[in-house]
Protein backbone atom coordinates (compact mmCIF):
# COMPACT_ATOMS: atom_id res chain seq x y z
CA MET A 1 25.35 -95.95 -22.58
CA PRO A 2 28.88 -95.18 -23.84
CA SER A 3 27.83 -96.25 -27.31
CA LEU A 4 24.97 -93.74 -27.26
CA LEU A 5 27.40 -91.03 -26.24
CA VAL A 6 29.72 -91.96 -29.08
CA LEU A 7 26.82 -91.92 -31.54
CA ALA A 8 25.74 -88.51 -30.26
CA LEU A 9 29.25 -87.11 -30.65
CA VAL A 10 29.55 -88.53 -34.17
CA ALA A 11 26.15 -87.06 -35.08
CA LEU A 12 27.19 -83.70 -33.69
CA GLN A 13 30.40 -83.77 -35.73
CA ILE A 14 28.45 -84.61 -38.88
CA VAL A 15 26.07 -81.71 -38.25
CA ALA A 16 29.08 -79.45 -37.68
CA ILE A 17 30.57 -80.50 -41.03
CA VAL A 18 27.26 -79.88 -42.81
CA PHE A 19 27.01 -76.44 -41.22
CA ALA A 20 30.63 -75.75 -42.19
CA PHE A 21 29.79 -76.36 -45.84
CA ARG A 22 26.76 -74.09 -45.48
CA ALA A 23 29.02 -71.40 -44.03
CA ILE A 24 31.43 -71.76 -46.96
CA ARG A 25 28.57 -71.33 -49.43
CA SER A 26 26.64 -68.57 -47.68
CA ALA A 27 28.96 -66.41 -45.57
CA ARG A 28 29.28 -62.92 -47.01
CA THR A 29 33.07 -62.72 -46.59
CA PRO A 30 35.97 -65.21 -46.72
CA GLN A 31 36.83 -64.17 -43.17
CA GLY A 32 33.33 -65.11 -42.05
CA SER A 33 33.58 -68.50 -43.77
CA VAL A 34 36.94 -69.28 -42.17
CA ALA A 35 35.75 -68.18 -38.74
CA TRP A 36 32.69 -70.40 -38.86
CA VAL A 37 34.51 -73.43 -40.30
CA VAL A 38 37.23 -73.33 -37.64
CA PHE A 39 34.68 -72.75 -34.87
CA LEU A 40 32.37 -75.56 -36.04
CA ILE A 41 35.09 -78.17 -36.47
CA ALA A 42 37.07 -77.27 -33.34
CA ALA A 43 34.18 -76.84 -30.88
CA PRO A 44 30.98 -78.29 -32.39
CA TYR A 45 29.16 -78.53 -29.05
CA ILE A 46 29.30 -74.72 -28.80
CA ALA A 47 29.40 -73.77 -32.48
CA VAL A 48 26.40 -75.79 -33.71
CA PRO A 49 23.90 -74.03 -31.40
CA ALA A 50 25.58 -70.71 -32.19
CA PHE A 51 25.24 -71.34 -35.92
CA LEU A 52 21.54 -72.06 -35.54
CA PHE A 53 21.07 -68.60 -34.07
CA LEU A 54 23.73 -66.60 -35.91
CA GLY A 55 24.84 -68.52 -38.95
CA ASN A 56 22.55 -67.21 -41.68
CA SER A 57 23.99 -64.22 -43.51
CA ARG A 58 21.09 -63.11 -45.69
CA VAL A 59 17.36 -62.62 -45.29
CA ARG A 60 15.39 -64.60 -47.84
CA ASN A 61 12.11 -63.51 -49.45
CA HIS A 62 12.26 -59.97 -48.05
CA ILE A 63 10.27 -57.77 -50.43
CA VAL A 64 12.23 -54.64 -51.31
CA ALA A 65 9.56 -52.58 -53.04
CA ARG A 66 12.16 -50.21 -54.48
CA ARG A 67 13.41 -53.15 -56.49
CA GLU A 68 10.41 -55.46 -56.96
CA SER A 69 7.14 -53.48 -57.07
CA GLU A 70 6.30 -52.02 -60.48
CA GLU A 71 4.02 -49.44 -58.86
CA VAL A 72 6.75 -48.30 -56.46
CA ILE A 73 9.42 -48.29 -59.16
CA ALA A 74 7.19 -46.07 -61.30
CA GLY A 75 6.55 -43.77 -58.33
CA VAL A 76 10.26 -43.48 -57.60
CA ALA A 77 10.88 -42.56 -61.24
CA ARG A 78 8.17 -39.88 -61.10
CA HIS A 79 9.78 -38.39 -58.01
CA ALA A 80 13.11 -38.25 -59.82
CA GLU A 81 11.46 -36.34 -62.70
CA GLN A 82 9.63 -33.95 -60.38
CA HIS A 83 12.60 -33.27 -58.09
CA PRO A 84 15.78 -33.68 -60.16
CA ALA A 85 19.05 -33.24 -58.32
CA HIS A 86 20.83 -29.97 -59.03
CA GLY A 87 24.30 -30.75 -57.65
CA ASP A 88 27.36 -32.04 -59.52
CA ARG A 89 26.38 -35.71 -59.86
CA LYS A 90 29.74 -36.85 -61.19
CA ALA A 91 31.94 -34.94 -58.75
CA LEU A 92 30.01 -36.12 -55.70
CA GLY A 93 29.50 -39.67 -56.93
CA TYR A 94 25.70 -39.63 -56.85
CA GLY A 95 25.55 -42.78 -58.97
CA GLY A 96 27.23 -45.00 -56.40
CA PHE A 97 24.95 -43.84 -53.61
CA GLU A 98 21.86 -44.15 -55.82
CA LYS A 99 22.61 -47.69 -56.98
CA ALA A 100 23.28 -48.83 -53.43
CA ALA A 101 20.13 -47.17 -52.06
CA GLU A 102 17.98 -48.09 -55.10
CA VAL A 103 16.45 -44.61 -55.01
CA PRO A 104 17.56 -41.40 -56.74
CA VAL A 105 19.11 -38.30 -55.22
CA LEU A 106 16.32 -35.71 -55.08
CA SER A 107 16.37 -31.94 -54.65
CA GLY A 108 14.02 -29.87 -52.49
CA ASN A 109 15.05 -31.21 -49.07
CA ASP A 110 16.05 -29.80 -45.70
CA MET A 111 17.77 -31.37 -42.69
CA GLN A 112 17.96 -29.88 -39.22
CA LEU A 113 20.22 -31.45 -36.60
CA LEU A 114 18.82 -32.48 -33.23
CA VAL A 115 21.75 -32.65 -30.83
CA ASP A 116 21.21 -34.79 -27.72
CA GLY A 117 18.08 -36.11 -26.04
CA GLU A 118 16.20 -32.99 -25.02
CA ALA A 119 16.26 -31.52 -28.52
CA ALA A 120 15.52 -34.84 -30.19
CA PHE A 121 12.53 -35.82 -28.10
CA ASP A 122 11.11 -32.31 -27.92
CA ALA A 123 11.04 -32.34 -31.73
CA LEU A 124 9.75 -35.91 -31.92
CA PHE A 125 6.93 -35.32 -29.43
CA ALA A 126 6.01 -32.01 -31.11
CA ALA A 127 5.80 -33.79 -34.46
CA ILE A 128 3.48 -36.47 -33.06
CA ASP A 129 1.34 -33.85 -31.31
CA ALA A 130 0.95 -31.95 -34.60
CA ALA A 131 -0.04 -35.02 -36.65
CA GLN A 132 -3.33 -34.68 -38.46
CA ASP A 133 -3.63 -37.91 -40.44
CA TYR A 134 -1.09 -40.56 -39.42
CA VAL A 135 2.08 -41.36 -37.52
CA LEU A 136 4.52 -44.07 -38.56
CA ALA A 137 7.00 -44.93 -35.80
CA GLN A 138 9.75 -47.52 -35.71
CA PHE A 139 12.40 -48.12 -33.05
CA TYR A 140 14.91 -50.83 -32.28
CA ILE A 141 14.61 -50.30 -28.51
CA VAL A 142 11.64 -49.04 -26.48
CA HIS A 143 11.75 -49.10 -22.69
CA ASP A 144 8.89 -48.95 -20.21
CA ASP A 145 10.41 -46.08 -18.27
CA GLU A 146 9.77 -42.35 -17.90
CA LEU A 147 10.63 -41.51 -21.51
CA GLY A 148 8.99 -44.65 -22.85
CA ARG A 149 5.74 -43.83 -21.06
CA ALA A 150 5.85 -40.25 -22.35
CA PHE A 151 6.22 -41.67 -25.87
CA GLN A 152 3.33 -44.05 -25.20
CA ALA A 153 1.13 -41.18 -23.98
CA ARG A 154 1.85 -39.14 -27.14
CA LEU A 155 0.85 -42.03 -29.39
CA LEU A 156 -2.36 -42.64 -27.44
CA ALA A 157 -3.23 -38.94 -27.49
CA ALA A 158 -2.78 -38.92 -31.26
CA MET A 159 -5.17 -41.87 -31.56
CA GLU A 160 -7.74 -40.02 -29.46
CA ARG A 161 -7.57 -37.12 -31.95
CA GLY A 162 -8.42 -39.52 -34.79
CA VAL A 163 -4.85 -39.93 -36.07
CA THR A 164 -3.86 -43.39 -37.30
CA VAL A 165 -0.76 -44.64 -35.49
CA ARG A 166 1.47 -47.54 -36.51
CA LEU A 167 4.40 -48.73 -34.42
CA LEU A 168 7.09 -51.22 -35.49
CA TYR A 169 9.50 -52.63 -32.93
CA ASP A 170 12.29 -55.19 -32.96
CA ALA A 171 11.80 -58.17 -30.63
CA VAL A 172 15.54 -58.50 -29.94
CA GLY A 173 16.01 -54.84 -29.08
CA CYS A 174 12.77 -54.79 -27.07
CA VAL A 175 13.35 -58.07 -25.25
CA LYS A 176 12.90 -56.31 -21.88
CA LEU A 177 9.75 -54.43 -22.90
CA PRO A 178 6.79 -55.85 -20.94
CA GLU A 179 3.76 -57.02 -22.87
CA SER A 180 1.60 -54.77 -20.70
CA TYR A 181 3.24 -51.72 -22.36
CA LEU A 182 2.22 -52.96 -25.80
CA ASP A 183 -1.22 -54.04 -24.59
CA ARG A 184 -1.93 -50.50 -23.39
CA LEU A 185 -1.13 -49.17 -26.86
CA ARG A 186 -3.25 -51.85 -28.54
CA GLU A 187 -6.17 -51.04 -26.27
CA GLY A 188 -5.85 -47.42 -27.37
CA GLY A 189 -6.08 -48.43 -31.04
CA VAL A 190 -2.40 -48.23 -32.02
CA HIS A 191 -1.44 -50.72 -34.75
CA ILE A 192 1.61 -52.54 -33.40
CA MET A 193 3.83 -55.09 -35.12
CA ASP A 194 6.95 -56.97 -34.16
CA GLN A 195 9.27 -56.53 -37.14
CA ASN A 196 9.82 -60.30 -37.29
CA ALA A 197 6.33 -61.43 -36.36
CA ILE A 198 5.84 -63.65 -39.41
CA ARG A 199 9.29 -64.69 -40.59
CA GLY A 200 11.50 -64.02 -37.61
CA PRO A 201 12.49 -65.87 -34.43
CA LYS A 202 9.04 -67.40 -34.03
CA THR A 203 9.57 -69.61 -37.07
CA ARG A 204 13.29 -70.42 -36.87
CA PHE A 205 16.37 -70.20 -34.67
CA GLN A 206 17.42 -66.75 -35.82
CA ILE A 207 18.28 -63.64 -33.84
CA ASN A 208 20.96 -62.34 -36.16
CA PHE A 209 18.93 -60.02 -38.35
CA ARG A 210 17.78 -57.00 -36.39
CA ASN A 211 15.85 -53.99 -37.58
CA HIS A 212 18.00 -51.20 -36.16
CA ARG A 213 16.10 -48.35 -37.84
CA LYS A 214 14.72 -45.45 -35.79
CA THR A 215 12.09 -43.70 -37.88
CA VAL A 216 9.14 -41.40 -37.32
CA VAL A 217 7.12 -40.07 -40.26
CA VAL A 218 4.19 -37.72 -39.73
CA ASP A 219 1.56 -37.20 -42.44
CA GLY A 220 4.15 -37.97 -45.13
CA THR A 221 5.64 -34.47 -44.83
CA LEU A 222 7.98 -34.63 -41.83
CA GLY A 223 10.52 -37.32 -41.02
CA LEU A 224 12.89 -37.95 -38.13
CA THR A 225 15.77 -40.42 -37.93
CA GLY A 226 19.12 -40.84 -36.24
CA GLY A 227 20.71 -42.59 -33.28
CA PHE A 228 18.04 -42.30 -30.59
CA ASN A 229 15.94 -45.16 -29.30
CA VAL A 230 13.24 -44.62 -26.69
CA GLY A 231 14.58 -44.95 -23.15
CA ASP A 232 15.77 -42.92 -20.19
CA GLU A 233 19.46 -43.63 -20.88
CA TYR A 234 19.12 -41.62 -24.11
CA MET A 235 18.25 -38.62 -21.95
CA GLY A 236 21.38 -39.09 -19.84
CA ARG A 237 19.45 -40.50 -16.87
CA ASP A 238 21.38 -43.77 -16.55
CA PRO A 239 24.22 -43.40 -13.99
CA LYS A 240 26.17 -46.16 -15.75
CA PHE A 241 26.61 -44.07 -18.91
CA GLY A 242 26.08 -40.55 -17.61
CA ALA A 243 25.67 -37.90 -20.28
CA TRP A 244 24.48 -39.51 -23.54
CA ARG A 245 25.83 -37.94 -26.72
CA ASP A 246 23.65 -38.67 -29.72
CA THR A 247 22.32 -37.04 -32.88
CA HIS A 248 18.95 -37.19 -34.61
CA CYS A 249 17.59 -35.00 -37.40
CA THR A 250 14.36 -33.70 -38.84
CA LEU A 251 13.79 -34.05 -42.57
CA LYS A 252 11.51 -32.19 -44.96
CA GLY A 253 11.00 -32.52 -48.69
CA PRO A 254 10.93 -35.53 -51.06
CA ILE A 255 13.47 -37.38 -48.92
CA VAL A 256 10.63 -37.94 -46.42
CA SER A 257 8.81 -40.05 -49.02
CA GLN A 258 11.89 -42.26 -49.29
CA LEU A 259 12.01 -42.69 -45.52
CA GLN A 260 8.29 -43.49 -45.56
CA LEU A 261 8.80 -46.05 -48.33
CA VAL A 262 11.36 -47.90 -46.21
CA PHE A 263 8.86 -48.02 -43.33
CA ALA A 264 6.19 -49.35 -45.70
CA GLU A 265 8.56 -52.12 -46.82
CA ASP A 266 9.26 -53.09 -43.21
CA TRP A 267 5.56 -52.99 -42.35
CA TYR A 268 4.78 -55.32 -45.24
CA TRP A 269 7.53 -57.69 -44.11
CA ALA A 270 5.99 -57.72 -40.63
CA ASN A 271 2.36 -58.44 -41.53
CA GLU A 272 1.92 -58.41 -45.35
CA GLU A 273 -0.25 -55.27 -45.23
CA VAL A 274 0.34 -52.94 -48.17
CA LEU A 275 0.39 -49.30 -47.07
CA VAL A 276 1.28 -47.56 -50.32
CA GLU A 277 -2.24 -46.43 -51.26
CA SER A 278 -3.15 -45.24 -47.76
CA LEU A 279 -0.17 -42.88 -47.33
CA ASN A 280 0.55 -39.38 -48.58
CA TRP A 281 3.39 -39.31 -51.10
CA ASP A 282 3.27 -35.59 -51.81
CA SER A 283 5.87 -34.43 -49.30
CA GLY A 284 6.27 -30.98 -50.84
CA ARG A 285 9.56 -29.13 -51.28
CA ALA A 286 11.65 -27.45 -48.61
CA GLU A 287 12.95 -23.94 -49.20
CA ALA A 288 16.52 -25.08 -48.41
CA ASN A 289 16.40 -27.15 -51.62
CA MET A 290 19.15 -29.59 -50.62
CA ASP A 291 19.97 -32.71 -52.65
CA GLY A 292 19.56 -35.89 -50.65
CA LEU A 293 18.44 -39.50 -50.37
CA ILE A 294 17.74 -42.19 -47.79
CA MET A 295 20.31 -44.97 -47.75
CA ALA A 296 18.37 -47.99 -46.47
CA THR A 297 20.63 -51.04 -46.17
CA GLY A 298 20.17 -54.58 -44.93
CA PRO A 299 20.80 -58.30 -45.34
CA ALA A 300 18.08 -58.59 -47.98
CA ASP A 301 20.11 -56.46 -50.41
CA VAL A 302 21.86 -58.08 -53.36
CA GLN A 303 24.93 -55.85 -53.00
CA GLU A 304 26.92 -55.16 -49.83
CA THR A 305 25.12 -51.86 -49.50
CA GLY A 306 26.32 -50.95 -46.01
CA SER A 307 29.96 -51.23 -47.04
CA ILE A 308 29.25 -49.45 -50.33
CA TYR A 309 27.76 -46.51 -48.42
CA PHE A 310 30.92 -46.01 -46.38
CA CYS A 311 33.27 -46.65 -49.31
CA ALA A 312 31.37 -44.20 -51.52
CA ALA A 313 31.65 -41.49 -48.88
CA ILE A 314 35.33 -42.20 -48.24
CA SER A 315 36.21 -42.18 -51.94
CA ALA A 316 34.44 -38.82 -52.40
CA ALA A 317 36.61 -37.11 -49.77
CA LYS A 318 39.29 -34.71 -51.00
CA ASP A 319 40.03 -32.62 -47.91
CA ARG A 320 38.08 -33.89 -44.92
CA LEU A 321 36.41 -37.09 -43.75
CA TRP A 322 35.10 -37.17 -40.20
CA ILE A 323 33.12 -40.16 -38.94
CA ALA A 324 31.50 -40.69 -35.54
CA SER A 325 30.42 -44.21 -34.61
CA PRO A 326 29.98 -45.89 -31.22
CA TYR A 327 31.24 -49.19 -32.64
CA PHE A 328 34.24 -49.58 -34.92
CA VAL A 329 34.71 -53.06 -36.38
CA PRO A 330 35.19 -52.31 -40.10
CA GLU A 331 35.50 -54.89 -42.85
CA THR A 332 38.55 -55.04 -45.11
CA ASP A 333 37.31 -52.81 -47.93
CA ILE A 334 36.46 -49.99 -45.55
CA MET A 335 39.81 -50.30 -43.77
CA THR A 336 41.62 -50.05 -47.11
CA ALA A 337 39.55 -47.06 -48.21
CA LEU A 338 40.19 -45.23 -44.93
CA LYS A 339 43.95 -45.80 -45.12
CA LEU A 340 44.11 -44.76 -48.76
CA ALA A 341 42.15 -41.56 -48.03
CA ALA A 342 44.60 -40.63 -45.26
CA MET A 343 47.56 -41.43 -47.50
CA ARG A 344 46.07 -39.09 -50.15
CA GLY A 345 46.25 -36.28 -47.61
CA VAL A 346 42.61 -36.27 -46.51
CA ASP A 347 42.00 -35.23 -42.90
CA VAL A 348 40.53 -38.55 -41.73
CA ARG A 349 39.19 -38.64 -38.18
CA ILE A 350 37.28 -41.45 -36.48
CA MET A 351 35.43 -40.59 -33.27
CA VAL A 352 34.61 -43.49 -30.95
CA PRO A 353 33.55 -43.64 -27.29
CA GLU A 354 35.96 -44.16 -24.43
CA VAL A 355 33.04 -45.31 -22.25
CA ILE A 356 32.21 -49.01 -22.68
CA ASP A 357 28.74 -49.99 -23.87
CA HIS A 358 29.34 -53.52 -25.20
CA THR A 359 32.72 -54.92 -24.17
CA ILE A 360 33.56 -57.19 -27.12
CA PRO A 361 33.13 -54.61 -29.94
CA TRP A 362 34.80 -51.98 -27.74
CA LEU A 363 37.83 -54.25 -27.35
CA ALA A 364 37.82 -55.38 -30.99
CA ALA A 365 38.19 -51.77 -32.16
CA PHE A 366 41.65 -51.56 -30.62
CA ALA A 367 42.85 -54.30 -32.96
CA TYR A 368 42.31 -51.94 -35.92
CA PHE A 369 43.66 -48.67 -34.55
CA ASP A 370 47.43 -49.20 -34.96
CA GLU A 371 47.09 -50.00 -38.66
CA LEU A 372 44.97 -46.90 -39.27
CA VAL A 373 47.14 -44.55 -37.22
CA GLU A 374 50.22 -45.71 -39.13
CA ALA A 375 48.48 -44.67 -42.36
CA GLY A 376 47.66 -41.22 -40.96
CA VAL A 377 44.09 -41.73 -39.65
CA GLN A 378 43.34 -39.93 -36.37
CA ILE A 379 41.41 -41.84 -33.69
CA TRP A 380 39.55 -39.55 -31.31
CA ARG A 381 38.08 -41.04 -28.13
CA TYR A 382 35.03 -39.28 -26.68
CA ASP A 383 35.20 -39.38 -22.88
CA SER A 384 32.48 -36.95 -21.74
CA GLY A 385 29.81 -39.61 -21.31
CA PHE A 386 28.78 -42.23 -23.86
CA MET A 387 28.89 -41.27 -27.56
CA HIS A 388 26.25 -43.08 -29.65
CA GLN A 389 25.81 -40.89 -32.76
CA LYS A 390 26.24 -42.26 -36.28
CA VAL A 391 27.23 -39.33 -38.49
CA LEU A 392 29.81 -38.43 -41.09
CA VAL A 393 30.88 -35.38 -43.06
CA VAL A 394 32.86 -35.22 -46.30
CA ASP A 395 34.60 -31.94 -47.20
CA GLU A 396 31.90 -29.26 -47.43
CA CYS A 397 29.63 -31.29 -49.66
CA ILE A 398 28.24 -34.45 -47.99
CA ALA A 399 26.71 -35.02 -44.56
CA SER A 400 24.83 -38.00 -43.17
CA VAL A 401 22.87 -38.77 -40.02
CA GLY A 402 21.30 -42.13 -39.36
CA THR A 403 21.43 -45.50 -37.66
CA THR A 404 24.42 -47.12 -39.40
CA ASN A 405 27.43 -47.94 -37.23
CA LEU A 406 30.85 -48.51 -38.72
CA ASP A 407 30.88 -52.23 -37.95
CA ASN A 408 30.10 -55.53 -39.61
CA ARG A 409 26.74 -55.87 -37.90
CA SER A 410 25.42 -52.60 -39.32
CA CYS A 411 26.99 -53.17 -42.72
CA ARG A 412 25.93 -56.79 -43.18
CA LEU A 413 23.41 -58.04 -40.63
CA ASN A 414 21.13 -55.18 -39.53
CA PHE A 415 18.46 -53.25 -41.38
CA GLU A 416 19.60 -49.62 -41.22
CA ALA A 417 18.57 -46.22 -42.58
CA THR A 418 20.67 -43.09 -43.04
CA ALA A 419 19.80 -39.67 -44.42
CA ILE A 420 22.51 -38.35 -46.77
CA LEU A 421 22.48 -34.70 -47.81
CA PHE A 422 24.71 -33.46 -50.61
CA ASP A 423 24.86 -29.84 -49.55
CA SER A 424 27.44 -27.43 -48.16
CA ARG A 425 25.08 -26.09 -45.48
CA ALA A 426 24.35 -29.56 -44.10
CA ALA A 427 28.07 -30.39 -44.20
CA ARG A 428 28.99 -27.22 -42.34
CA ASP A 429 26.36 -27.90 -39.67
CA VAL A 430 27.60 -31.45 -39.06
CA ALA A 431 31.25 -30.33 -39.11
CA ALA A 432 30.55 -27.61 -36.52
CA MET A 433 28.77 -30.14 -34.32
CA LEU A 434 31.67 -32.58 -34.55
CA GLU A 435 34.23 -29.85 -33.88
CA ALA A 436 32.49 -29.24 -30.56
CA ASP A 437 32.60 -32.98 -29.87
CA PHE A 438 36.32 -33.20 -30.63
CA GLU A 439 36.88 -30.75 -27.77
CA LYS A 440 35.48 -33.45 -25.47
CA CYS A 441 37.79 -36.12 -26.92
CA PHE A 442 41.42 -37.09 -26.63
CA LEU A 443 43.60 -38.20 -29.52
CA LEU A 444 44.67 -41.84 -29.26
CA GLU A 445 48.45 -42.01 -29.35
CA THR A 446 49.07 -45.25 -27.45
CA LEU A 447 49.87 -48.37 -29.47
CA LEU A 448 48.15 -51.65 -28.69
CA VAL A 449 51.32 -53.13 -27.16
CA GLU A 450 51.39 -50.21 -24.72
CA GLN A 451 47.77 -50.61 -23.59
CA PRO A 452 46.74 -52.24 -20.29
CA ALA A 453 46.67 -56.05 -20.33
CA LYS A 454 42.86 -56.18 -20.63
CA ILE A 455 43.03 -54.32 -23.95
CA ARG A 456 46.37 -55.70 -25.15
CA LEU A 457 45.26 -59.31 -24.74
CA GLY A 458 41.53 -58.90 -25.27
CA ALA A 459 41.53 -56.94 -28.54
CA PRO A 460 42.99 -59.70 -30.80
CA VAL A 461 40.60 -62.25 -29.29
CA ALA A 462 37.60 -59.94 -29.68
CA ARG A 463 38.55 -59.30 -33.30
CA LEU A 464 37.99 -63.00 -34.03
CA PHE A 465 34.28 -62.28 -33.61
CA ALA A 466 34.38 -59.39 -36.09
CA PRO A 467 32.05 -61.03 -38.67
CA LEU A 468 29.29 -61.04 -36.03
CA LEU A 469 29.96 -57.68 -34.36
């Protein structure tokens, strides 16, 4: 018996070493490689199972139509010719955003902010109720609660009117969603797919890659995206979180076609059904005529597109850079860019929640604050409920609303989507919204060594998990 135990331990150590070499070859950052190697060698009995679930750093064989489909590439080029950007491409750095997103900046768009749950879901439900041809919906989390059932009823009512409805969900985010909720939708004719139905957790030990996008497209002419999932807590009904501060937006113009294209890519990944020919790609032009694009990022991208998005925005800032994110676990390049921007004299403000959602990333954020504050970055902590919005504004020229958090998970491991508008009106709207939020914040002025023991001792430990947060 002891000999079998010894053999098992030796085998486990060998597997740990093999996985360590895989981590060295495949991890997306040196920090990630080091973290996995140390973890695997020091505690293989814990690290080997963890690596099976979390160790892969890229999605293989994910079809990105913007890059690989000749038909889609030609369509994207036609859109660029029909709706050329009119802003100062060089001054605002359009090229960096375009190469990361693999779509061009287009003119003819409009964005309207939807601040908090009532406004967001009133607009979302009105859009579904007005659909004439089809609804494309995608959410990371859907709950079977009051709001979730209202969403379900809207989709079923659309089907009864003869509208085609497709719903994508993420199995990790929807782990608590009962099958009966989905069965009711299927019985009503809604086409439903788990994002990872074919290539996800059912075929390998892998829960790392999550589709965090929150998208609704109606008839190819109206799009909605932002921070809201579907659940009562997003309406402020959860006593644990209280008031829920979040931001969504409605989109009109050619940018809607880009949002729709990202949905079509995800739908193909889920079930290999090609939607391109069955959708409307004539989104029209909005009178506001804003320049904009959809920045869709994820672990299938060749470049580190999530980090590039943030670095491109930071480098464009001359006077003001305000970012709101519920999670703040930035990688090294973003940290450097933020510090440099503040040192250049840019008004750099990071808004994060004081209320705890997930303890480890909340703690890890404190390990970064001292370094940023020393460089001149202001850390504002929102303490009037839980703040979940993912927005930024640069000067009076760039504004974005989407699903991308300022953490490693959003930048490297999740599929995300963010609407970026290169327009002074959009920037002013987002800035005004954030100014109101700052009034519900306090400025962090306490160093880590002065924090309570839970934070002082927990933050450095939590930061060790940064590559996975």
